[in-house]
Amino acid sequence: MDVDKLKKQQAILKQTYREEPESALCTMSVTGTLCPEQLRITVPTHAGQIDAGFHVAAGGDGEDACSGDMLLEALVGCAGVTLVAVATAMNISLQNGTVTAEGDLDFRGTLGVDKEAPVGFREIRLRFDLSTPASADEVEKLVSLTERYCVIYQTLHRANRIETQITHSA
């Protein structure tokens, strides 16, 4: 997509969101179906259903998707599409490239082996390997803007309030 086409597509949305800020709010929702006998949950995605289960380090058999991997996949997907859009808007030519996310987990926390061990990722690293004729300064600005506008990056970067609701029936 060229920069003019991208700007034209987004211009109408931006104008609408300026005039009617409430129209920019979007609630996204995903509902998975529990499979208690198999220790997994089936999660619908745009690419089809995914069975999510335990990581091998938590006792899984490696056949199901791990939610930790899915989180990193979401970060790679969001950062990648954001980077391509920002590069387009900045008129930066990308010949090719990769986006890699790595995260460190201490499974003692999630398995309750050590109450002092954190549950969740201790650290996440995001790496961009880019082939482009752009200058180092332009690439630095490209990545900075990617971090700024990437929804998943920003969600992980700053703490968010999570509200839990329960519906129970016998």
N, C-alpha and C. Protein backbone atom coordinates (compact mmCIF):
# COMPACT_ATOMS: atom_id res chain seq x y z
N MET A 1 0.85 -1.18 0.00
CA MET A 1 0.00 0.00 0.00
C MET A 1 0.90 1.24 0.00
N ASP A 2 0.54 2.21 -0.78
CA ASP A 2 1.35 3.43 -0.80
C ASP A 2 0.82 4.42 0.24
N VAL A 3 1.64 5.41 0.53
CA VAL A 3 1.33 6.37 1.59
C VAL A 3 0.04 7.13 1.32
N ASP A 4 -0.22 7.51 0.07
CA ASP A 4 -1.44 8.26 -0.25
C ASP A 4 -2.69 7.43 0.01
N LYS A 5 -2.65 6.16 -0.37
CA LYS A 5 -3.80 5.29 -0.16
C LYS A 5 -4.05 5.08 1.33
N LEU A 6 -2.97 4.86 2.11
CA LEU A 6 -3.11 4.68 3.55
C LEU A 6 -3.69 5.94 4.20
N LYS A 7 -3.14 7.09 3.86
CA LYS A 7 -3.63 8.34 4.45
C LYS A 7 -5.09 8.60 4.08
N LYS A 8 -5.45 8.28 2.84
CA LYS A 8 -6.83 8.48 2.40
C LYS A 8 -7.78 7.56 3.17
N GLN A 9 -7.38 6.30 3.35
CA GLN A 9 -8.22 5.35 4.09
C GLN A 9 -8.41 5.80 5.54
N GLN A 10 -7.36 6.32 6.14
CA GLN A 10 -7.44 6.69 7.55
C GLN A 10 -7.99 8.09 7.77
N ALA A 11 -7.94 8.95 6.76
CA ALA A 11 -8.40 10.33 6.93
C ALA A 11 -9.86 10.41 7.35
N ILE A 12 -10.70 9.62 6.73
CA ILE A 12 -12.13 9.64 7.06
C ILE A 12 -12.34 9.18 8.50
N LEU A 13 -11.64 8.13 8.89
CA LEU A 13 -11.76 7.64 10.26
C LEU A 13 -11.28 8.69 11.26
N LYS A 14 -10.13 9.29 10.99
CA LYS A 14 -9.58 10.29 11.89
C LYS A 14 -10.53 11.47 12.06
N GLN A 15 -11.11 11.92 10.97
CA GLN A 15 -12.05 13.04 11.04
C GLN A 15 -13.28 12.67 11.86
N THR A 16 -13.80 11.49 11.62
CA THR A 16 -14.97 11.02 12.39
C THR A 16 -14.63 10.94 13.87
N TYR A 17 -13.45 10.40 14.21
CA TYR A 17 -13.05 10.26 15.61
C TYR A 17 -12.82 11.61 16.27
N ARG A 18 -12.39 12.61 15.51
CA ARG A 18 -12.23 13.95 16.07
C ARG A 18 -13.60 14.56 16.39
N GLU A 19 -14.53 14.40 15.44
CA GLU A 19 -15.86 14.99 15.59
C GLU A 19 -16.74 14.22 16.58
N GLU A 20 -16.58 12.91 16.62
CA GLU A 20 -17.38 12.05 17.49
C GLU A 20 -16.44 11.10 18.23
N PRO A 21 -15.76 11.58 19.29
CA PRO A 21 -14.77 10.76 19.98
C PRO A 21 -15.30 9.41 20.46
N GLU A 22 -16.58 9.37 20.84
CA GLU A 22 -17.15 8.11 21.32
C GLU A 22 -17.18 7.04 20.23
N SER A 23 -17.19 7.45 18.96
CA SER A 23 -17.22 6.47 17.87
C SER A 23 -15.88 5.74 17.72
N ALA A 24 -14.83 6.23 18.36
CA ALA A 24 -13.52 5.58 18.29
C ALA A 24 -13.39 4.44 19.29
N LEU A 25 -14.30 4.37 20.26
CA LEU A 25 -14.23 3.32 21.26
C LEU A 25 -14.79 2.02 20.71
N CYS A 26 -14.02 0.97 20.87
CA CYS A 26 -14.41 -0.34 20.34
C CYS A 26 -14.14 -1.39 21.40
N THR A 27 -15.15 -2.14 21.77
CA THR A 27 -14.97 -3.24 22.70
C THR A 27 -14.74 -4.51 21.90
N MET A 28 -13.57 -5.10 22.11
CA MET A 28 -13.25 -6.35 21.44
C MET A 28 -13.51 -7.48 22.43
N SER A 29 -13.94 -8.62 21.93
CA SER A 29 -14.31 -9.71 22.83
C SER A 29 -13.97 -11.06 22.20
N VAL A 30 -13.48 -11.95 23.01
CA VAL A 30 -13.24 -13.33 22.60
C VAL A 30 -13.76 -14.22 23.72
N THR A 31 -14.52 -15.25 23.38
CA THR A 31 -15.02 -16.20 24.35
C THR A 31 -14.53 -17.59 23.99
N GLY A 32 -13.78 -18.19 24.91
CA GLY A 32 -13.29 -19.55 24.71
C GLY A 32 -14.20 -20.55 25.40
N THR A 33 -14.14 -21.79 24.93
CA THR A 33 -14.95 -22.86 25.50
C THR A 33 -14.05 -23.84 26.26
N LEU A 34 -14.35 -24.01 27.54
CA LEU A 34 -13.55 -24.89 28.38
C LEU A 34 -13.69 -26.35 27.97
N CYS A 35 -12.60 -27.07 28.04
CA CYS A 35 -12.56 -28.52 27.83
C CYS A 35 -11.89 -29.12 29.06
N PRO A 36 -12.62 -29.17 30.21
CA PRO A 36 -12.00 -29.55 31.48
C PRO A 36 -11.35 -30.94 31.46
N GLU A 37 -11.97 -31.88 30.78
CA GLU A 37 -11.43 -33.25 30.77
C GLU A 37 -10.10 -33.34 30.03
N GLN A 38 -9.82 -32.36 29.19
CA GLN A 38 -8.57 -32.36 28.42
C GLN A 38 -7.60 -31.27 28.89
N LEU A 39 -7.95 -30.57 29.97
CA LEU A 39 -7.12 -29.48 30.49
C LEU A 39 -6.75 -28.47 29.41
N ARG A 40 -7.78 -28.00 28.71
CA ARG A 40 -7.54 -27.00 27.65
C ARG A 40 -8.77 -26.13 27.48
N ILE A 41 -8.60 -25.11 26.67
CA ILE A 41 -9.70 -24.23 26.28
C ILE A 41 -9.61 -24.03 24.77
N THR A 42 -10.73 -24.06 24.09
CA THR A 42 -10.77 -23.80 22.66
C THR A 42 -11.07 -22.32 22.45
N VAL A 43 -10.17 -21.68 21.73
CA VAL A 43 -10.26 -20.23 21.52
C VAL A 43 -10.51 -19.95 20.04
N PRO A 44 -11.59 -19.24 19.72
CA PRO A 44 -11.83 -18.89 18.32
C PRO A 44 -10.89 -17.76 17.89
N THR A 45 -10.33 -17.87 16.70
CA THR A 45 -9.50 -16.80 16.15
C THR A 45 -9.94 -16.56 14.71
N HIS A 46 -9.41 -15.51 14.11
CA HIS A 46 -9.74 -15.22 12.71
C HIS A 46 -9.21 -16.31 11.78
N ALA A 47 -8.22 -17.06 12.25
CA ALA A 47 -7.62 -18.12 11.43
C ALA A 47 -8.17 -19.50 11.78
N GLY A 48 -9.20 -19.55 12.59
CA GLY A 48 -9.77 -20.83 13.01
C GLY A 48 -9.59 -21.03 14.50
N GLN A 49 -10.13 -22.11 15.01
CA GLN A 49 -10.07 -22.39 16.44
C GLN A 49 -8.67 -22.86 16.84
N ILE A 50 -8.27 -22.47 18.04
CA ILE A 50 -7.00 -22.91 18.60
C ILE A 50 -7.28 -23.53 19.95
N ASP A 51 -6.70 -24.71 20.19
CA ASP A 51 -6.77 -25.32 21.50
C ASP A 51 -5.57 -24.83 22.30
N ALA A 52 -5.86 -24.16 23.43
CA ALA A 52 -4.80 -23.66 24.30
C ALA A 52 -4.73 -24.55 25.53
N GLY A 53 -3.52 -24.90 25.90
CA GLY A 53 -3.31 -25.75 27.06
C GLY A 53 -2.01 -25.39 27.75
N PHE A 54 -1.55 -26.28 28.58
CA PHE A 54 -0.33 -26.04 29.34
C PHE A 54 0.92 -26.11 28.48
N HIS A 55 1.87 -25.25 28.77
CA HIS A 55 3.20 -25.31 28.19
C HIS A 55 3.88 -26.57 28.74
N VAL A 56 4.80 -27.13 28.00
CA VAL A 56 5.53 -28.32 28.44
C VAL A 56 6.16 -28.11 29.81
N ALA A 57 6.66 -26.90 30.08
CA ALA A 57 7.30 -26.60 31.36
C ALA A 57 6.30 -26.54 32.52
N ALA A 58 5.00 -26.58 32.19
CA ALA A 58 3.96 -26.58 33.22
C ALA A 58 3.21 -27.91 33.25
N GLY A 59 3.69 -28.89 32.48
CA GLY A 59 3.07 -30.21 32.47
C GLY A 59 2.28 -30.54 31.23
N GLY A 60 2.30 -29.68 30.24
CA GLY A 60 1.59 -29.96 29.00
C GLY A 60 2.37 -30.93 28.12
N ASP A 61 1.69 -31.44 27.10
CA ASP A 61 2.34 -32.40 26.20
C ASP A 61 2.92 -31.73 24.95
N GLY A 62 2.75 -30.41 24.82
CA GLY A 62 3.29 -29.69 23.68
C GLY A 62 2.39 -29.69 22.46
N GLU A 63 1.23 -30.33 22.56
CA GLU A 63 0.31 -30.40 21.41
C GLU A 63 -0.58 -29.17 21.29
N ASP A 64 -0.85 -28.53 22.42
CA ASP A 64 -1.74 -27.36 22.40
C ASP A 64 -0.92 -26.08 22.35
N ALA A 65 -1.57 -25.03 21.90
CA ALA A 65 -0.95 -23.71 21.94
C ALA A 65 -0.79 -23.29 23.39
N CYS A 66 0.26 -22.58 23.68
CA CYS A 66 0.49 -22.04 25.02
C CYS A 66 0.07 -20.58 25.01
N SER A 67 -0.67 -20.16 26.02
CA SER A 67 -1.14 -18.78 26.05
C SER A 67 0.01 -17.79 26.13
N GLY A 68 1.12 -18.17 26.74
CA GLY A 68 2.30 -17.30 26.75
C GLY A 68 2.83 -17.08 25.34
N ASP A 69 2.89 -18.16 24.56
CA ASP A 69 3.30 -18.02 23.16
C ASP A 69 2.30 -17.17 22.39
N MET A 70 1.01 -17.35 22.67
CA MET A 70 -0.02 -16.59 21.99
C MET A 70 0.11 -15.09 22.30
N LEU A 71 0.49 -14.76 23.54
CA LEU A 71 0.71 -13.37 23.90
C LEU A 71 1.87 -12.78 23.10
N LEU A 72 2.96 -13.53 23.00
CA LEU A 72 4.10 -13.07 22.21
C LEU A 72 3.75 -12.99 20.73
N GLU A 73 2.94 -13.93 20.25
CA GLU A 73 2.49 -13.89 18.85
C GLU A 73 1.65 -12.63 18.58
N ALA A 74 0.80 -12.29 19.54
CA ALA A 74 -0.01 -11.07 19.39
C ALA A 74 0.89 -9.84 19.35
N LEU A 75 1.93 -9.82 20.17
CA LEU A 75 2.87 -8.69 20.16
C LEU A 75 3.59 -8.60 18.83
N VAL A 76 4.06 -9.73 18.32
CA VAL A 76 4.76 -9.74 17.02
C VAL A 76 3.81 -9.27 15.91
N GLY A 77 2.58 -9.78 15.91
CA GLY A 77 1.62 -9.40 14.88
C GLY A 77 1.31 -7.92 14.91
N CYS A 78 1.04 -7.41 16.10
CA CYS A 78 0.68 -5.99 16.24
C CYS A 78 1.88 -5.10 15.91
N ALA A 79 3.04 -5.43 16.44
CA ALA A 79 4.23 -4.61 16.17
C ALA A 79 4.59 -4.65 14.69
N GLY A 80 4.43 -5.80 14.06
CA GLY A 80 4.76 -5.91 12.65
C GLY A 80 3.86 -5.09 11.76
N VAL A 81 2.56 -5.19 11.97
CA VAL A 81 1.63 -4.44 11.12
C VAL A 81 1.74 -2.94 11.41
N THR A 82 1.99 -2.59 12.67
CA THR A 82 2.17 -1.19 13.01
C THR A 82 3.43 -0.64 12.35
N LEU A 83 4.52 -1.40 12.40
CA LEU A 83 5.77 -0.97 11.79
C LEU A 83 5.60 -0.75 10.29
N VAL A 84 4.91 -1.66 9.61
CA VAL A 84 4.70 -1.53 8.17
C VAL A 84 3.85 -0.28 7.87
N ALA A 85 2.82 -0.04 8.67
CA ALA A 85 1.98 1.15 8.46
C ALA A 85 2.77 2.43 8.71
N VAL A 86 3.56 2.46 9.77
CA VAL A 86 4.36 3.65 10.07
C VAL A 86 5.41 3.87 8.98
N ALA A 87 6.05 2.78 8.53
CA ALA A 87 7.03 2.91 7.45
C ALA A 87 6.37 3.47 6.19
N THR A 88 5.16 3.02 5.90
CA THR A 88 4.42 3.53 4.75
C THR A 88 4.16 5.03 4.91
N ALA A 89 3.69 5.42 6.10
CA ALA A 89 3.39 6.83 6.35
C ALA A 89 4.65 7.70 6.29
N MET A 90 5.80 7.13 6.66
CA MET A 90 7.06 7.88 6.65
C MET A 90 7.80 7.77 5.31
N ASN A 91 7.20 7.07 4.36
CA ASN A 91 7.85 6.82 3.06
C ASN A 91 9.19 6.11 3.22
N ILE A 92 9.25 5.17 4.14
CA ILE A 92 10.45 4.35 4.33
C ILE A 92 10.23 3.04 3.60
N SER A 93 11.14 2.72 2.72
CA SER A 93 11.06 1.47 1.96
C SER A 93 11.62 0.33 2.81
N LEU A 94 10.84 -0.72 2.96
CA LEU A 94 11.29 -1.93 3.65
C LEU A 94 11.44 -3.04 2.62
N GLN A 95 12.66 -3.54 2.44
CA GLN A 95 12.83 -4.66 1.51
C GLN A 95 12.31 -5.95 2.15
N ASN A 96 12.67 -6.16 3.39
CA ASN A 96 12.17 -7.30 4.16
C ASN A 96 12.56 -7.10 5.61
N GLY A 97 12.15 -8.02 6.43
CA GLY A 97 12.50 -7.91 7.84
C GLY A 97 11.75 -8.93 8.67
N THR A 98 12.11 -9.00 9.93
CA THR A 98 11.42 -9.87 10.88
C THR A 98 11.20 -9.11 12.18
N VAL A 99 10.20 -9.58 12.91
CA VAL A 99 9.92 -9.06 14.25
C VAL A 99 9.93 -10.28 15.16
N THR A 100 10.70 -10.20 16.24
CA THR A 100 10.83 -11.31 17.18
C THR A 100 10.50 -10.84 18.58
N ALA A 101 9.69 -11.61 19.29
CA ALA A 101 9.41 -11.34 20.70
C ALA A 101 9.87 -12.54 21.51
N GLU A 102 10.60 -12.28 22.57
CA GLU A 102 11.04 -13.32 23.49
C GLU A 102 10.61 -12.90 24.89
N GLY A 103 10.22 -13.87 25.67
CA GLY A 103 9.83 -13.58 27.04
C GLY A 103 10.37 -14.62 27.99
N ASP A 104 10.73 -14.18 29.18
CA ASP A 104 11.28 -15.07 30.20
C ASP A 104 10.24 -15.34 31.27
N LEU A 105 9.95 -16.63 31.48
CA LEU A 105 9.00 -17.07 32.50
C LEU A 105 9.70 -17.97 33.49
N ASP A 106 9.37 -17.84 34.76
CA ASP A 106 9.84 -18.74 35.80
C ASP A 106 8.64 -19.60 36.20
N PHE A 107 8.62 -20.84 35.75
CA PHE A 107 7.45 -21.68 35.97
C PHE A 107 7.26 -22.09 37.42
N ARG A 108 8.23 -21.79 38.30
CA ARG A 108 8.02 -22.06 39.72
C ARG A 108 6.85 -21.24 40.25
N GLY A 109 6.66 -20.03 39.70
CA GLY A 109 5.56 -19.17 40.16
C GLY A 109 4.21 -19.72 39.80
N THR A 110 4.01 -20.05 38.53
CA THR A 110 2.69 -20.52 38.09
C THR A 110 2.35 -21.91 38.63
N LEU A 111 3.37 -22.70 38.97
CA LEU A 111 3.12 -24.03 39.54
C LEU A 111 3.08 -24.01 41.07
N GLY A 112 3.27 -22.83 41.68
CA GLY A 112 3.19 -22.72 43.13
C GLY A 112 4.35 -23.37 43.86
N VAL A 113 5.47 -23.57 43.18
CA VAL A 113 6.64 -24.18 43.80
C VAL A 113 7.33 -23.20 44.73
N ASP A 114 7.35 -21.93 44.33
CA ASP A 114 8.01 -20.88 45.10
C ASP A 114 7.10 -19.66 45.11
N LYS A 115 6.57 -19.33 46.28
CA LYS A 115 5.62 -18.21 46.37
C LYS A 115 6.28 -16.87 46.07
N GLU A 116 7.60 -16.78 46.12
CA GLU A 116 8.32 -15.56 45.80
C GLU A 116 8.57 -15.42 44.30
N ALA A 117 8.47 -16.50 43.56
CA ALA A 117 8.70 -16.46 42.11
C ALA A 117 7.49 -15.80 41.45
N PRO A 118 7.73 -14.87 40.54
CA PRO A 118 6.60 -14.18 39.90
C PRO A 118 5.83 -15.10 38.97
N VAL A 119 4.54 -14.84 38.86
CA VAL A 119 3.71 -15.52 37.88
C VAL A 119 3.62 -14.56 36.69
N GLY A 120 4.00 -15.02 35.55
CA GLY A 120 3.97 -14.15 34.37
C GLY A 120 5.37 -13.89 33.87
N PHE A 121 5.44 -13.17 32.77
CA PHE A 121 6.72 -12.85 32.17
C PHE A 121 7.50 -11.89 33.05
N ARG A 122 8.75 -12.21 33.29
CA ARG A 122 9.65 -11.30 34.01
C ARG A 122 10.10 -10.18 33.09
N GLU A 123 10.35 -10.54 31.86
CA GLU A 123 10.87 -9.59 30.88
C GLU A 123 10.44 -10.04 29.49
N ILE A 124 10.15 -9.07 28.65
CA ILE A 124 9.85 -9.34 27.24
C ILE A 124 10.78 -8.49 26.41
N ARG A 125 11.38 -9.10 25.41
CA ARG A 125 12.27 -8.39 24.49
C ARG A 125 11.66 -8.42 23.09
N LEU A 126 11.65 -7.28 22.45
CA LEU A 126 11.11 -7.14 21.10
C LEU A 126 12.26 -6.72 20.19
N ARG A 127 12.47 -7.49 19.12
CA ARG A 127 13.59 -7.19 18.22
C ARG A 127 13.08 -7.03 16.79
N PHE A 128 13.55 -5.98 16.13
CA PHE A 128 13.25 -5.71 14.73
C PHE A 128 14.53 -5.91 13.94
N ASP A 129 14.52 -6.81 12.98
CA ASP A 129 15.64 -6.99 12.05
C ASP A 129 15.13 -6.52 10.69
N LEU A 130 15.63 -5.38 10.24
CA LEU A 130 15.07 -4.72 9.05
C LEU A 130 16.11 -4.54 7.97
N SER A 131 15.70 -4.76 6.74
CA SER A 131 16.52 -4.45 5.58
C SER A 131 15.86 -3.27 4.89
N THR A 132 16.54 -2.11 4.95
CA THR A 132 15.98 -0.87 4.41
C THR A 132 17.11 0.11 4.08
N PRO A 133 16.94 0.89 3.03
CA PRO A 133 17.93 1.92 2.73
C PRO A 133 17.81 3.15 3.65
N ALA A 134 16.85 3.15 4.55
CA ALA A 134 16.64 4.28 5.46
C ALA A 134 17.87 4.46 6.36
N SER A 135 18.06 5.70 6.81
CA SER A 135 19.18 6.00 7.70
C SER A 135 18.91 5.42 9.10
N ALA A 136 19.95 5.33 9.91
CA ALA A 136 19.81 4.84 11.28
C ALA A 136 18.83 5.71 12.07
N ASP A 137 18.89 7.04 11.86
CA ASP A 137 17.96 7.95 12.55
C ASP A 137 16.52 7.69 12.14
N GLU A 138 16.30 7.45 10.84
CA GLU A 138 14.94 7.17 10.36
C GLU A 138 14.43 5.86 10.94
N VAL A 139 15.28 4.84 11.01
CA VAL A 139 14.88 3.54 11.56
C VAL A 139 14.58 3.68 13.05
N GLU A 140 15.39 4.45 13.76
CA GLU A 140 15.14 4.68 15.18
C GLU A 140 13.78 5.35 15.38
N LYS A 141 13.46 6.36 14.57
CA LYS A 141 12.17 7.04 14.65
C LYS A 141 11.03 6.08 14.28
N LEU A 142 11.24 5.24 13.27
CA LEU A 142 10.26 4.24 12.85
C LEU A 142 9.92 3.30 14.00
N VAL A 143 10.93 2.80 14.68
CA VAL A 143 10.69 1.87 15.78
C VAL A 143 10.05 2.59 16.97
N SER A 144 10.48 3.81 17.23
CA SER A 144 9.90 4.59 18.32
C SER A 144 8.40 4.82 18.09
N LEU A 145 8.04 5.17 16.87
CA LEU A 145 6.62 5.38 16.55
C LEU A 145 5.85 4.06 16.56
N THR A 146 6.50 2.99 16.16
CA THR A 146 5.87 1.66 16.22
C THR A 146 5.53 1.33 17.67
N GLU A 147 6.48 1.54 18.57
CA GLU A 147 6.22 1.28 19.99
C GLU A 147 5.08 2.17 20.49
N ARG A 148 5.06 3.40 20.06
CA ARG A 148 4.03 4.35 20.52
C ARG A 148 2.63 3.94 20.07
N TYR A 149 2.49 3.44 18.84
CA TYR A 149 1.16 3.18 18.29
C TYR A 149 0.75 1.70 18.29
N CYS A 150 1.61 0.81 18.73
CA CYS A 150 1.28 -0.61 18.77
C CYS A 150 0.42 -0.90 20.01
N VAL A 151 -0.81 -1.33 19.78
CA VAL A 151 -1.77 -1.57 20.86
C VAL A 151 -1.25 -2.60 21.86
N ILE A 152 -0.74 -3.71 21.39
CA ILE A 152 -0.30 -4.77 22.29
C ILE A 152 0.94 -4.32 23.06
N TYR A 153 1.88 -3.66 22.40
CA TYR A 153 3.06 -3.15 23.07
C TYR A 153 2.66 -2.21 24.21
N GLN A 154 1.80 -1.26 23.91
CA GLN A 154 1.38 -0.29 24.93
C GLN A 154 0.59 -0.96 26.05
N THR A 155 -0.22 -1.96 25.72
CA THR A 155 -0.98 -2.67 26.74
C THR A 155 -0.05 -3.39 27.70
N LEU A 156 0.99 -4.03 27.18
CA LEU A 156 1.94 -4.74 28.02
C LEU A 156 2.87 -3.78 28.76
N HIS A 157 3.18 -2.67 28.13
CA HIS A 157 4.14 -1.72 28.69
C HIS A 157 3.61 -1.00 29.93
N ARG A 158 2.33 -0.72 29.95
CA ARG A 158 1.76 -0.04 31.11
C ARG A 158 0.71 -0.94 31.76
N ALA A 159 0.64 -0.83 33.05
CA ALA A 159 -0.31 -1.66 33.79
C ALA A 159 -1.74 -1.26 33.44
N ASN A 160 -2.60 -2.24 33.35
CA ASN A 160 -4.01 -2.00 33.06
C ASN A 160 -4.86 -2.62 34.15
N ARG A 161 -5.96 -1.99 34.41
CA ARG A 161 -6.92 -2.55 35.36
C ARG A 161 -7.63 -3.71 34.67
N ILE A 162 -7.74 -4.82 35.36
CA ILE A 162 -8.48 -5.96 34.85
C ILE A 162 -9.61 -6.26 35.83
N GLU A 163 -10.80 -6.27 35.31
CA GLU A 163 -11.98 -6.54 36.14
C GLU A 163 -12.42 -7.98 35.88
N THR A 164 -12.62 -8.74 36.94
CA THR A 164 -13.07 -10.12 36.81
C THR A 164 -14.54 -10.21 37.21
N GLN A 165 -15.32 -10.88 36.40
CA GLN A 165 -16.73 -11.11 36.70
C GLN A 165 -16.99 -12.60 36.72
N ILE A 166 -17.93 -13.02 37.54
CA ILE A 166 -18.26 -14.45 37.66
C ILE A 166 -19.75 -14.64 37.49
N THR A 167 -20.12 -15.59 36.68
CA THR A 167 -21.50 -16.05 36.60
C THR A 167 -21.45 -17.53 37.00
N HIS A 168 -22.27 -17.91 37.94
CA HIS A 168 -22.22 -19.28 38.45
C HIS A 168 -23.60 -19.89 38.42
N SER A 169 -23.66 -21.12 37.95
CA SER A 169 -24.94 -21.85 37.99
C SER A 169 -24.63 -23.28 38.40
N ALA A 170 -25.60 -23.91 39.00
CA ALA A 170 -25.42 -25.29 39.47
C ALA A 170 -25.94 -26.27 38.45
